[in-house]
């Protein structure tokens, strides 16, 4: 009887496995068909066709590298020329990260269950954060440029709004891991909501806040450079102009590429070091204590 039951279970399990494999195969076929159909549609609508342009894919990088190599002695002067634009890009990223981080911190406290002062607002505010994360910075920047004109201000506002959505989500997840005992203790002695958050929650999660903030700063530097292509100022705007000019300006485009590349590498390495110190360093301090 036991052997019959085991055999029935095994047969049923193998049937489910075969059914799952069939469904996975069907889904894979549908996915491949959709991908090929979408690629064919995109290729038909692409000016000149994808396959016709594929052999020329490396022509532009080759032209940039060759022109930069032939005028290598001019690159240091270009670094000095475009350094102010780089500083503007970093300033846009820093200001938007600071503003978005502060607003994201407040929003995260308002949407964290167990900490929010108005529980029924948690759902609507979470949807606001979802919308801010879902809309790309470049879309917001294009709308703001149409309303406010070109320059760094639309870029800063666009990146800051996206940062609010991203950091608000991350900070709220960090808040959920905070201990409520300090908050309850402060509440028992009559502390208000702001005091409970400032003294009971934020000191616990501040290293995580700073770690996520530094990571977002890296992302925002790239975003501010990209937004320069749509007229939002910074080094991206200069890069677009040099690339649009064509041959004769490719050496300047190469200098901007190098300047931006080295800056991102330095920021990445520095922020990674600081994040490790904030997370692992604080943990080691607690162990030694």
Protein backbone atom coordinates (compact mmCIF):
# COMPACT_ATOMS: atom_id res chain seq x y z
CA UNK A 1 0.00 0.00 0.00
CA UNK A 2 2.85 2.34 0.90
CA UNK A 3 4.64 1.45 -2.35
CA UNK A 4 1.47 2.26 -4.31
CA UNK A 5 1.15 5.62 -2.59
CA UNK A 6 4.82 6.46 -3.26
CA UNK A 7 4.44 5.45 -6.91
CA UNK A 8 1.33 7.63 -7.29
CA UNK A 9 3.11 10.61 -5.72
CA UNK A 10 6.10 10.12 -8.02
CA UNK A 11 3.87 9.84 -11.10
CA UNK A 12 1.98 12.99 -10.13
CA UNK A 13 5.25 14.84 -9.50
CA UNK A 14 6.68 13.84 -12.89
CA UNK A 15 3.45 14.93 -14.59
CA UNK A 16 3.72 18.35 -12.94
CA UNK A 17 7.37 18.60 -13.99
CA UNK A 18 6.48 17.81 -17.62
CA UNK A 19 3.63 20.34 -17.52
CA UNK A 20 5.97 23.00 -16.14
CA UNK A 21 8.55 22.28 -18.82
CA UNK A 22 5.91 22.55 -21.54
CA UNK A 23 4.71 25.91 -20.17
CA UNK A 24 8.29 27.20 -19.92
CA UNK A 25 8.95 26.13 -23.51
CA UNK A 26 5.80 27.89 -24.73
CA UNK A 27 6.74 31.05 -22.85
CA UNK A 28 10.27 30.93 -24.29
CA UNK A 29 8.93 30.56 -27.83
CA UNK A 30 6.50 33.46 -27.30
CA UNK A 31 9.31 35.61 -25.88
CA UNK A 32 11.62 34.87 -28.82
CA UNK A 33 8.82 35.58 -31.30
CA UNK A 34 7.99 38.90 -29.64
CA UNK A 35 11.67 39.88 -29.50
CA UNK A 36 12.22 39.06 -33.17
CA UNK A 37 9.01 40.82 -34.17
CA UNK A 38 9.93 43.92 -32.18
CA UNK A 39 13.43 43.92 -33.63
CA UNK A 40 12.06 43.62 -37.17
CA UNK A 41 9.66 46.51 -36.57
CA UNK A 42 12.41 48.68 -35.10
CA UNK A 43 14.72 47.82 -37.99
CA UNK A 44 12.06 48.76 -40.56
CA UNK A 45 11.47 52.13 -38.89
CA UNK A 46 15.16 52.88 -38.36
CA UNK A 47 16.60 55.38 -40.87
CA UNK A 48 18.88 53.42 -43.18
CA UNK A 49 18.26 50.07 -41.51
CA UNK A 50 20.16 48.41 -38.70
CA UNK A 51 21.98 45.84 -40.82
CA UNK A 52 23.12 48.47 -43.31
CA UNK A 53 24.64 50.56 -40.54
CA UNK A 54 26.19 47.67 -38.59
CA UNK A 55 29.47 47.60 -40.61
CA UNK A 56 29.96 51.30 -39.77
CA UNK A 57 29.46 50.79 -36.04
CA UNK A 58 33.14 51.38 -35.18
CA UNK A 59 33.72 54.23 -37.63
CA UNK A 60 32.87 57.00 -35.16
CA UNK A 61 35.05 55.70 -32.27
CA UNK A 62 37.88 55.17 -34.74
CA UNK A 63 37.59 58.76 -36.01
CA UNK A 64 37.54 60.14 -32.44
CA UNK A 65 40.55 58.10 -31.34
CA UNK A 66 42.60 58.85 -34.45
CA UNK A 67 41.92 62.60 -34.27
CA UNK A 68 42.66 62.69 -30.53
CA UNK A 69 45.90 60.76 -31.09
CA UNK A 70 47.05 63.11 -33.85
CA UNK A 71 46.40 66.14 -31.60
CA UNK A 72 47.43 64.62 -28.28
CA UNK A 73 49.44 67.71 -27.34
CA UNK A 74 46.21 69.75 -27.23
CA UNK A 75 44.39 67.48 -24.75
CA UNK A 76 45.74 69.13 -21.55
CA UNK A 77 44.47 72.50 -22.78
CA UNK A 78 41.05 70.97 -23.48
CA UNK A 79 40.99 69.51 -19.95
CA UNK A 80 41.46 73.02 -18.57
CA UNK A 81 38.90 74.45 -20.99
CA UNK A 82 36.10 72.05 -20.04
CA UNK A 83 36.93 71.70 -16.34
CA UNK A 84 34.44 74.45 -15.33
CA UNK A 85 31.68 72.56 -17.16
CA UNK A 86 32.65 69.43 -15.27
CA UNK A 87 32.40 71.33 -11.98
CA UNK A 88 28.94 72.52 -13.03
CA UNK A 89 27.91 68.91 -13.69
CA UNK A 90 29.20 67.82 -10.27
CA UNK A 91 27.43 70.76 -8.62
CA UNK A 92 24.14 69.79 -10.30
CA UNK A 93 24.54 66.22 -9.05
CA UNK A 94 25.53 67.31 -5.53
CA UNK A 95 22.71 69.84 -5.14
CA UNK A 96 20.08 67.46 -6.51
CA UNK A 97 21.37 64.62 -4.31
CA UNK A 98 21.28 66.80 -1.20
CA UNK A 99 17.83 68.21 -1.92
CA UNK A 100 16.39 64.86 -3.04
CA UNK A 101 17.99 63.08 -0.10
CA UNK A 102 16.47 65.43 2.48
CA UNK A 103 13.01 65.22 0.92
CA UNK A 104 13.39 61.47 0.50
CA UNK A 105 14.28 61.14 4.20
CA UNK A 106 11.12 62.98 5.23
CA UNK A 107 9.00 60.97 2.79
CA UNK A 108 10.51 57.70 4.02
CA UNK A 109 9.50 58.46 7.60
CA UNK A 110 5.99 59.30 6.43
CA UNK A 111 5.57 55.99 4.57
CA UNK A 112 7.19 53.60 7.08
CA UNK A 113 4.65 51.44 8.88
CA UNK A 114 4.90 51.87 12.63
CA UNK A 115 6.56 55.28 12.31
CA UNK A 116 4.20 57.29 10.09
CA UNK A 117 2.21 59.94 11.98
CA UNK A 118 -0.79 59.52 9.63
CA UNK A 119 -1.17 55.81 8.75
CA UNK A 120 -3.83 56.34 6.07
CA UNK A 121 -1.39 58.51 4.08
CA UNK A 122 1.13 55.68 3.71
CA UNK A 123 -0.51 54.23 0.59
CA UNK A 124 -0.97 57.50 -1.35
CA UNK A 125 2.54 58.71 -0.50
CA UNK A 126 4.04 55.40 -1.59
CA UNK A 127 2.31 55.80 -4.94
CA UNK A 128 3.84 59.28 -5.22
CA UNK A 129 7.29 57.76 -4.68
CA UNK A 130 6.50 55.11 -7.30
CA UNK A 131 5.60 57.80 -9.84
CA UNK A 132 8.75 59.81 -9.11
CA UNK A 133 10.88 56.69 -9.62
CA UNK A 134 9.03 55.58 -12.73
CA UNK A 135 9.36 58.82 -14.72
CA UNK A 136 12.90 59.13 -16.17
CA UNK A 137 14.91 62.24 -15.37
CA UNK A 138 15.23 63.14 -19.04
CA UNK A 139 11.43 63.31 -19.45
CA UNK A 140 11.08 65.63 -16.46
CA UNK A 141 14.02 67.72 -17.70
CA UNK A 142 12.51 68.12 -21.18
CA UNK A 143 9.24 69.38 -19.68
CA UNK A 144 11.07 71.77 -17.34
CA UNK A 145 13.31 73.05 -20.14
CA UNK A 146 10.20 73.83 -22.16
CA UNK A 147 8.77 75.75 -19.18
CA UNK A 148 11.89 77.31 -17.65
CA UNK A 149 14.37 77.36 -20.52
CA UNK A 150 17.70 75.62 -20.78
CA UNK A 151 20.28 75.60 -18.02
CA UNK A 152 21.29 73.72 -14.88
CA UNK A 153 18.14 74.50 -12.86
CA UNK A 154 15.79 72.18 -14.84
CA UNK A 155 18.41 69.42 -14.63
CA UNK A 156 18.76 69.86 -10.87
CA UNK A 157 14.98 69.76 -10.30
CA UNK A 158 14.54 66.72 -12.57
CA UNK A 159 17.32 64.73 -10.88
CA UNK A 160 16.16 65.81 -7.41
CA UNK A 161 12.61 64.59 -8.06
CA UNK A 162 13.85 61.21 -9.25
CA UNK A 163 16.19 61.05 -6.26
CA UNK A 164 13.26 61.63 -3.88
CA UNK A 165 11.49 58.60 -5.32
CA UNK A 166 14.57 56.38 -5.25
CA UNK A 167 15.95 57.33 -1.84
CA UNK A 168 12.48 57.55 -0.28
CA UNK A 169 11.97 53.88 -1.16
CA UNK A 170 15.43 52.80 0.04
CA UNK A 171 15.27 54.83 3.25
CA UNK A 172 11.84 53.44 4.12
CA UNK A 173 13.18 49.90 3.85
CA UNK A 174 16.03 50.86 6.18
CA UNK A 175 13.59 52.43 8.64
CA UNK A 176 11.63 49.19 8.89
CA UNK A 177 14.70 47.51 10.41
CA UNK A 178 15.15 50.18 13.10
CA UNK A 179 14.39 49.23 16.69
CA UNK A 180 11.21 50.77 18.09
CA UNK A 181 12.35 50.66 21.71
CA UNK A 182 14.02 54.12 21.64
CA UNK A 183 10.93 55.52 19.91
CA UNK A 184 8.63 54.05 22.56
CA UNK A 185 10.88 55.36 25.32
CA UNK A 186 10.82 58.87 23.91
CA UNK A 187 7.06 58.69 23.46
CA UNK A 188 6.63 57.67 27.11
CA UNK A 189 8.29 60.89 28.26
CA UNK A 190 6.14 63.08 25.99
CA UNK A 191 8.41 63.57 22.96
CA UNK A 192 6.68 64.67 19.75
CA UNK A 193 6.85 62.82 16.43
CA UNK A 194 9.71 64.92 15.07
CA UNK A 195 11.72 64.43 18.25
CA UNK A 196 11.09 60.67 18.19
CA UNK A 197 12.30 60.43 14.60
CA UNK A 198 15.30 62.73 15.09
CA UNK A 199 16.51 61.15 18.34
CA UNK A 200 15.16 57.60 18.17
CA UNK A 201 15.27 56.49 14.52
CA UNK A 202 17.73 58.56 12.49
CA UNK A 203 20.79 57.85 14.73
CA UNK A 204 20.22 54.12 14.20
CA UNK A 205 20.06 54.26 10.41
CA UNK A 206 22.27 57.27 9.60
CA UNK A 207 25.17 55.13 8.21
CA UNK A 208 22.77 53.42 5.81
CA UNK A 209 21.32 56.78 4.80
CA UNK A 210 24.78 58.10 3.98
CA UNK A 211 25.73 54.92 2.12
CA UNK A 212 22.66 55.09 -0.12
CA UNK A 213 23.14 58.84 -0.55
CA UNK A 214 26.71 58.37 -1.81
CA UNK A 215 25.57 55.66 -4.19
CA UNK A 216 22.87 57.96 -5.51
CA UNK A 217 25.44 60.75 -5.93
CA UNK A 218 27.39 58.49 -8.32
CA UNK A 219 24.24 57.84 -10.34
CA UNK A 220 23.31 61.52 -10.41
CA UNK A 221 26.69 62.54 -11.85
CA UNK A 222 26.02 60.29 -14.83
CA UNK A 223 22.44 61.55 -15.07
CA UNK A 224 23.51 65.21 -15.02
CA UNK A 225 26.03 64.54 -17.80
CA UNK A 226 23.35 62.82 -19.89
CA UNK A 227 20.85 65.64 -19.34
CA UNK A 228 23.37 68.04 -20.84
CA UNK A 229 22.54 66.50 -24.22
CA UNK A 230 19.03 68.00 -24.04
CA UNK A 231 20.26 71.49 -23.13
CA UNK A 232 20.39 71.17 -19.36
CA UNK A 233 23.92 72.55 -19.04
CA UNK A 234 27.08 70.98 -17.71
CA UNK A 235 29.71 68.99 -19.52
CA UNK A 236 27.09 66.97 -21.40
CA UNK A 237 26.06 70.11 -23.28
CA UNK A 238 29.67 70.70 -24.41
CA UNK A 239 29.98 67.06 -25.42
CA UNK A 240 26.87 67.28 -27.57
CA UNK A 241 28.17 70.41 -29.30
CA UNK A 242 31.57 68.90 -30.07
CA UNK A 243 30.03 65.68 -31.38
CA UNK A 244 27.49 67.57 -33.49
CA UNK A 245 30.27 69.66 -35.06
CA UNK A 246 31.87 66.53 -36.50
CA UNK A 247 35.44 66.11 -37.65
CA UNK A 248 37.71 68.86 -36.46
CA UNK A 249 36.15 68.78 -32.98
CA UNK A 250 36.54 65.08 -32.27
CA UNK A 251 39.72 65.71 -30.29
CA UNK A 252 37.75 67.96 -27.93
CA UNK A 253 35.04 65.29 -27.67
CA UNK A 254 37.73 62.76 -26.73
CA UNK A 255 39.07 65.14 -24.04
CA UNK A 256 35.57 65.49 -22.58
CA UNK A 257 35.11 61.71 -22.65
CA UNK A 258 38.37 61.23 -20.76
CA UNK A 259 37.61 63.99 -18.28
CA UNK A 260 34.18 62.56 -17.54
CA UNK A 261 35.51 58.99 -17.36
CA UNK A 262 38.26 59.80 -14.86
CA UNK A 263 35.85 61.86 -12.76
CA UNK A 264 33.33 59.02 -12.55
CA UNK A 265 36.09 56.55 -11.67
CA UNK A 266 37.39 58.81 -8.88
CA UNK A 267 33.89 59.42 -7.51
CA UNK A 268 33.03 55.70 -7.70
CA UNK A 269 36.17 54.66 -5.87
CA UNK A 270 35.91 57.39 -3.25
CA UNK A 271 32.24 56.77 -2.52
CA UNK A 272 32.78 52.98 -2.42
CA UNK A 273 35.54 53.50 0.15
CA UNK A 274 33.36 55.79 2.23
CA UNK A 275 30.39 53.41 2.04
CA UNK A 276 32.55 50.53 3.22
CA UNK A 277 33.83 52.64 6.11
CA UNK A 278 30.30 53.66 7.05
CA UNK A 279 28.87 50.14 6.98
CA UNK A 280 31.71 47.78 7.89
CA UNK A 281 33.56 50.37 9.96
CA UNK A 282 30.54 51.05 12.17
CA UNK A 283 29.92 47.31 12.52
CA UNK A 284 33.52 46.75 13.63
CA UNK A 285 33.19 49.58 16.12
CA UNK A 286 30.11 47.94 17.65
CA UNK A 287 31.97 44.59 17.89
CA UNK A 288 34.98 46.15 19.62
CA UNK A 289 32.68 48.07 21.96
